[in-house]
């Protein structure tokens, strides 16, 4: 299941005009090659779980992906973070189809909040967003 979600995240980023204009296809799962030119994006599955309802049943699986945006210039990192955020619907939860799965995607928080946190670091010129992908549990 996470392979289909990985591919869906990649395709969403690759096919978004705003993201494509900034990173020109430099989107990497897991880690970027050492010779990667800036700007670029790295995404990785960082957590998954199956929350239980009060009756103990599991109705969906939840996957947390960290999407890290890197560039040589801080203001350019902010532009990439904003484009990635918009690619997945911005402030609203969005429904995406990743392979055979219909998923609901939502952010932990908006990029404007992230800019105030240590995750967007002027020294390393990187910004990170956490994307939750929820998939209805197959019965």
C-alpha atoms as a PDB file:
ATOM      1  CA  UNK A   1       0.000   0.000   0.000  1.00  0.00           C
ATOM      2  CA  UNK A   2       2.723   2.498   0.888  1.00  0.00           C
ATOM      3  CA  UNK A   3       4.383   1.912  -2.505  1.00  0.00           C
ATOM      4  CA  UNK A   4       1.221   3.168  -4.240  1.00  0.00           C
ATOM      5  CA  UNK A   5       1.128   6.146  -1.875  1.00  0.00           C
ATOM      6  CA  UNK A   6       4.832   6.881  -2.495  1.00  0.00           C
ATOM      7  CA  UNK A   7       4.168   6.861  -6.228  1.00  0.00           C
ATOM      8  CA  UNK A   8       1.075   9.043  -5.776  1.00  0.00           C
ATOM      9  CA  UNK A   9       3.003  11.628  -3.795  1.00  0.00           C
ATOM     10  CA  UNK A  10       5.730  11.667  -6.429  1.00  0.00           C
ATOM     11  CA  UNK A  11       3.209  12.070  -9.264  1.00  0.00           C
ATOM     12  CA  UNK A  12       1.296  14.809  -7.431  1.00  0.00           C
ATOM     13  CA  UNK A  13       4.495  16.796  -6.975  1.00  0.00           C
ATOM     14  CA  UNK A  14       5.848  16.071 -10.471  1.00  0.00           C
ATOM     15  CA  UNK A  15       2.576  16.963 -12.205  1.00  0.00           C
ATOM     16  CA  UNK A  16       1.913  20.184 -10.299  1.00  0.00           C
ATOM     17  CA  UNK A  17       2.861  23.197 -12.437  1.00  0.00           C
ATOM     18  CA  UNK A  18       3.969  25.314  -9.470  1.00  0.00           C
ATOM     19  CA  UNK A  19       6.234  22.612  -8.062  1.00  0.00           C
ATOM     20  CA  UNK A  20       7.574  21.656 -11.499  1.00  0.00           C
ATOM     21  CA  UNK A  21       8.488  25.265 -12.287  1.00  0.00           C
ATOM     22  CA  UNK A  22      10.628  25.431  -9.143  1.00  0.00           C
ATOM     23  CA  UNK A  23      12.289  22.009  -8.880  1.00  0.00           C
ATOM     24  CA  UNK A  24      12.247  20.793 -12.505  1.00  0.00           C
ATOM     25  CA  UNK A  25      11.687  17.143 -11.610  1.00  0.00           C
ATOM     26  CA  UNK A  26      14.225  16.967  -8.770  1.00  0.00           C
ATOM     27  CA  UNK A  27      11.931  14.989  -6.467  1.00  0.00           C
ATOM     28  CA  UNK A  28      13.479  12.082  -4.581  1.00  0.00           C
ATOM     29  CA  UNK A  29      12.097   9.328  -2.349  1.00  0.00           C
ATOM     30  CA  UNK A  30      14.101   8.766   0.828  1.00  0.00           C
ATOM     31  CA  UNK A  31      17.169  10.884   0.132  1.00  0.00           C
ATOM     32  CA  UNK A  32      18.667  13.005  -2.609  1.00  0.00           C
ATOM     33  CA  UNK A  33      21.859  12.047  -4.420  1.00  0.00           C
ATOM     34  CA  UNK A  34      24.908  13.996  -3.271  1.00  0.00           C
ATOM     35  CA  UNK A  35      25.186  15.688  -6.670  1.00  0.00           C
ATOM     36  CA  UNK A  36      21.539  16.855  -6.675  1.00  0.00           C
ATOM     37  CA  UNK A  37      21.189  20.436  -7.880  1.00  0.00           C
ATOM     38  CA  UNK A  38      19.080  22.848  -5.855  1.00  0.00           C
ATOM     39  CA  UNK A  39      16.218  23.266  -5.400  1.00  0.00           C
ATOM     40  CA  UNK A  40      14.964  19.758  -4.753  1.00  0.00           C
ATOM     41  CA  UNK A  41      12.398  17.854  -2.717  1.00  0.00           C
ATOM     42  CA  UNK A  42      12.843  14.684  -0.657  1.00  0.00           C
ATOM     43  CA  UNK A  43       9.860  12.771   0.727  1.00  0.00           C
ATOM     44  CA  UNK A  44       9.797   9.787   3.063  1.00  0.00           C
ATOM     45  CA  UNK A  45       7.350   7.724   5.066  1.00  0.00           C
ATOM     46  CA  UNK A  46       8.076   8.555   8.702  1.00  0.00           C
ATOM     47  CA  UNK A  47       5.177   6.929  10.546  1.00  0.00           C
ATOM     48  CA  UNK A  48       2.166   4.703  10.007  1.00  0.00           C
ATOM     49  CA  UNK A  49      -0.546   3.451  12.312  1.00  0.00           C
ATOM     50  CA  UNK A  50      -4.047   2.055  12.492  1.00  0.00           C
ATOM     51  CA  UNK A  51      -6.074   4.096  14.978  1.00  0.00           C
ATOM     52  CA  UNK A  52      -8.766   2.084  16.753  1.00  0.00           C
ATOM     53  CA  UNK A  53     -12.293   3.271  17.417  1.00  0.00           C
ATOM     54  CA  UNK A  54     -13.948   2.833  20.807  1.00  0.00           C
ATOM     55  CA  UNK A  55     -15.240  -0.599  19.780  1.00  0.00           C
ATOM     56  CA  UNK A  56     -11.685  -1.660  18.907  1.00  0.00           C
ATOM     57  CA  UNK A  57     -12.181  -1.794  15.166  1.00  0.00           C
ATOM     58  CA  UNK A  58      -9.759  -0.314  12.680  1.00  0.00           C
ATOM     59  CA  UNK A  59     -11.469   1.745   9.979  1.00  0.00           C
ATOM     60  CA  UNK A  60      -8.476   3.309   8.255  1.00  0.00           C
ATOM     61  CA  UNK A  61      -4.692   3.314   8.048  1.00  0.00           C
ATOM     62  CA  UNK A  62      -2.786   6.513   8.479  1.00  0.00           C
ATOM     63  CA  UNK A  63       0.599   7.273   6.911  1.00  0.00           C
ATOM     64  CA  UNK A  64       2.740  10.274   7.792  1.00  0.00           C
ATOM     65  CA  UNK A  65       5.166  11.526   5.165  1.00  0.00           C
ATOM     66  CA  UNK A  66       7.744  14.226   5.703  1.00  0.00           C
ATOM     67  CA  UNK A  67       8.315  16.308   2.599  1.00  0.00           C
ATOM     68  CA  UNK A  68      11.565  18.266   2.835  1.00  0.00           C
ATOM     69  CA  UNK A  69      12.297  21.155   0.471  1.00  0.00           C
ATOM     70  CA  UNK A  70      15.918  22.220  -0.055  1.00  0.00           C
ATOM     71  CA  UNK A  71      17.533  25.168  -1.822  1.00  0.00           C
ATOM     72  CA  UNK A  72      20.586  27.385  -1.521  1.00  0.00           C
ATOM     73  CA  UNK A  73      18.528  30.485  -0.710  1.00  0.00           C
ATOM     74  CA  UNK A  74      16.077  30.618   2.202  1.00  0.00           C
ATOM     75  CA  UNK A  75      13.415  32.648   0.374  1.00  0.00           C
ATOM     76  CA  UNK A  76      13.484  30.092  -2.445  1.00  0.00           C
ATOM     77  CA  UNK A  77      12.905  27.299   0.098  1.00  0.00           C
ATOM     78  CA  UNK A  78       9.806  29.147   1.266  1.00  0.00           C
ATOM     79  CA  UNK A  79       8.549  29.304  -2.349  1.00  0.00           C
ATOM     80  CA  UNK A  80       9.026  25.527  -2.761  1.00  0.00           C
ATOM     81  CA  UNK A  81       7.312  24.820   0.584  1.00  0.00           C
ATOM     82  CA  UNK A  82       4.350  26.974  -0.487  1.00  0.00           C
ATOM     83  CA  UNK A  83       4.119  25.191  -3.872  1.00  0.00           C
ATOM     84  CA  UNK A  84       4.210  21.746  -2.245  1.00  0.00           C
ATOM     85  CA  UNK A  85       1.550  22.826   0.248  1.00  0.00           C
ATOM     86  CA  UNK A  86      -0.686  24.057  -2.577  1.00  0.00           C
ATOM     87  CA  UNK A  87      -0.149  20.862  -4.615  1.00  0.00           C
ATOM     88  CA  UNK A  88      -1.969  18.913  -1.912  1.00  0.00           C
ATOM     89  CA  UNK A  89      -4.853  21.341  -1.481  1.00  0.00           C
ATOM     90  CA  UNK A  90      -3.445  23.950   0.872  1.00  0.00           C
ATOM     91  CA  UNK A  91      -5.540  24.489   3.990  1.00  0.00           C
ATOM     92  CA  UNK A  92      -8.144  21.926   3.013  1.00  0.00           C
ATOM     93  CA  UNK A  93      -8.033  18.154   3.230  1.00  0.00           C
ATOM     94  CA  UNK A  94      -8.058  16.739  -0.296  1.00  0.00           C
ATOM     95  CA  UNK A  95      -9.016  13.395  -1.749  1.00  0.00           C
ATOM     96  CA  UNK A  96      -6.405  11.842  -4.032  1.00  0.00           C
ATOM     97  CA  UNK A  97      -6.260   8.528  -5.823  1.00  0.00           C
ATOM     98  CA  UNK A  98      -2.934   6.780  -5.343  1.00  0.00           C
ATOM     99  CA  UNK A  99      -2.952   3.573  -7.360  1.00  0.00           C
ATOM    100  CA  UNK A 100      -6.008   1.568  -6.283  1.00  0.00           C
ATOM    101  CA  UNK A 101      -6.457   3.589  -3.078  1.00  0.00           C
ATOM    102  CA  UNK A 102      -8.617   6.629  -2.484  1.00  0.00           C
ATOM    103  CA  UNK A 103      -6.814   8.677   0.147  1.00  0.00           C
ATOM    104  CA  UNK A 104      -7.544  11.757   2.193  1.00  0.00           C
ATOM    105  CA  UNK A 105      -4.486  14.025   2.481  1.00  0.00           C
ATOM    106  CA  UNK A 106      -4.075  16.748   5.064  1.00  0.00           C
ATOM    107  CA  UNK A 107      -1.216  18.775   6.521  1.00  0.00           C
ATOM    108  CA  UNK A 108      -0.211  18.930  10.169  1.00  0.00           C
ATOM    109  CA  UNK A 109      -0.028  22.715   9.902  1.00  0.00           C
ATOM    110  CA  UNK A 110       0.238  25.499   7.363  1.00  0.00           C
ATOM    111  CA  UNK A 111       3.614  26.603   5.959  1.00  0.00           C
ATOM    112  CA  UNK A 112       3.211  30.026   7.576  1.00  0.00           C
ATOM    113  CA  UNK A 113       3.343  28.283  10.950  1.00  0.00           C
ATOM    114  CA  UNK A 114       6.290  26.152   9.856  1.00  0.00           C
ATOM    115  CA  UNK A 115       8.303  29.240   8.916  1.00  0.00           C
ATOM    116  CA  UNK A 116       8.309  30.184  12.595  1.00  0.00           C
ATOM    117  CA  UNK A 117       9.544  26.782  13.732  1.00  0.00           C
ATOM    118  CA  UNK A 118      12.999  25.147  13.703  1.00  0.00           C
ATOM    119  CA  UNK A 119      11.848  22.994  10.750  1.00  0.00           C
ATOM    120  CA  UNK A 120      12.480  25.871   8.360  1.00  0.00           C
ATOM    121  CA  UNK A 121      16.062  26.612   9.129  1.00  0.00           C
ATOM    122  CA  UNK A 122      17.923  29.574   7.630  1.00  0.00           C
ATOM    123  CA  UNK A 123      21.239  27.824   8.224  1.00  0.00           C
ATOM    124  CA  UNK A 124      20.457  24.658   6.295  1.00  0.00           C
ATOM    125  CA  UNK A 125      17.966  26.286   3.904  1.00  0.00           C
ATOM    126  CA  UNK A 126      15.440  23.488   4.267  1.00  0.00           C
ATOM    127  CA  UNK A 127      11.733  23.451   5.002  1.00  0.00           C
ATOM    128  CA  UNK A 128       9.752  20.406   6.075  1.00  0.00           C
ATOM    129  CA  UNK A 129       6.050  19.666   5.958  1.00  0.00           C
ATOM    130  CA  UNK A 130       4.272  16.652   7.418  1.00  0.00           C
ATOM    131  CA  UNK A 131       1.567  15.178   5.194  1.00  0.00           C
ATOM    132  CA  UNK A 132      -0.935  12.695   6.631  1.00  0.00           C
ATOM    133  CA  UNK A 133      -2.471  10.244   4.153  1.00  0.00           C
ATOM    134  CA  UNK A 134      -5.489   8.290   5.391  1.00  0.00           C
ATOM    135  CA  UNK A 135      -6.690   5.176   3.581  1.00  0.00           C
ATOM    136  CA  UNK A 136      -9.932   3.368   4.378  1.00  0.00           C
ATOM    137  CA  UNK A 137      -9.170  -0.071   5.755  1.00  0.00           C
ATOM    138  CA  UNK A 138     -10.059  -2.893   3.385  1.00  0.00           C
ATOM    139  CA  UNK A 139     -12.579  -5.318   4.897  1.00  0.00           C
END
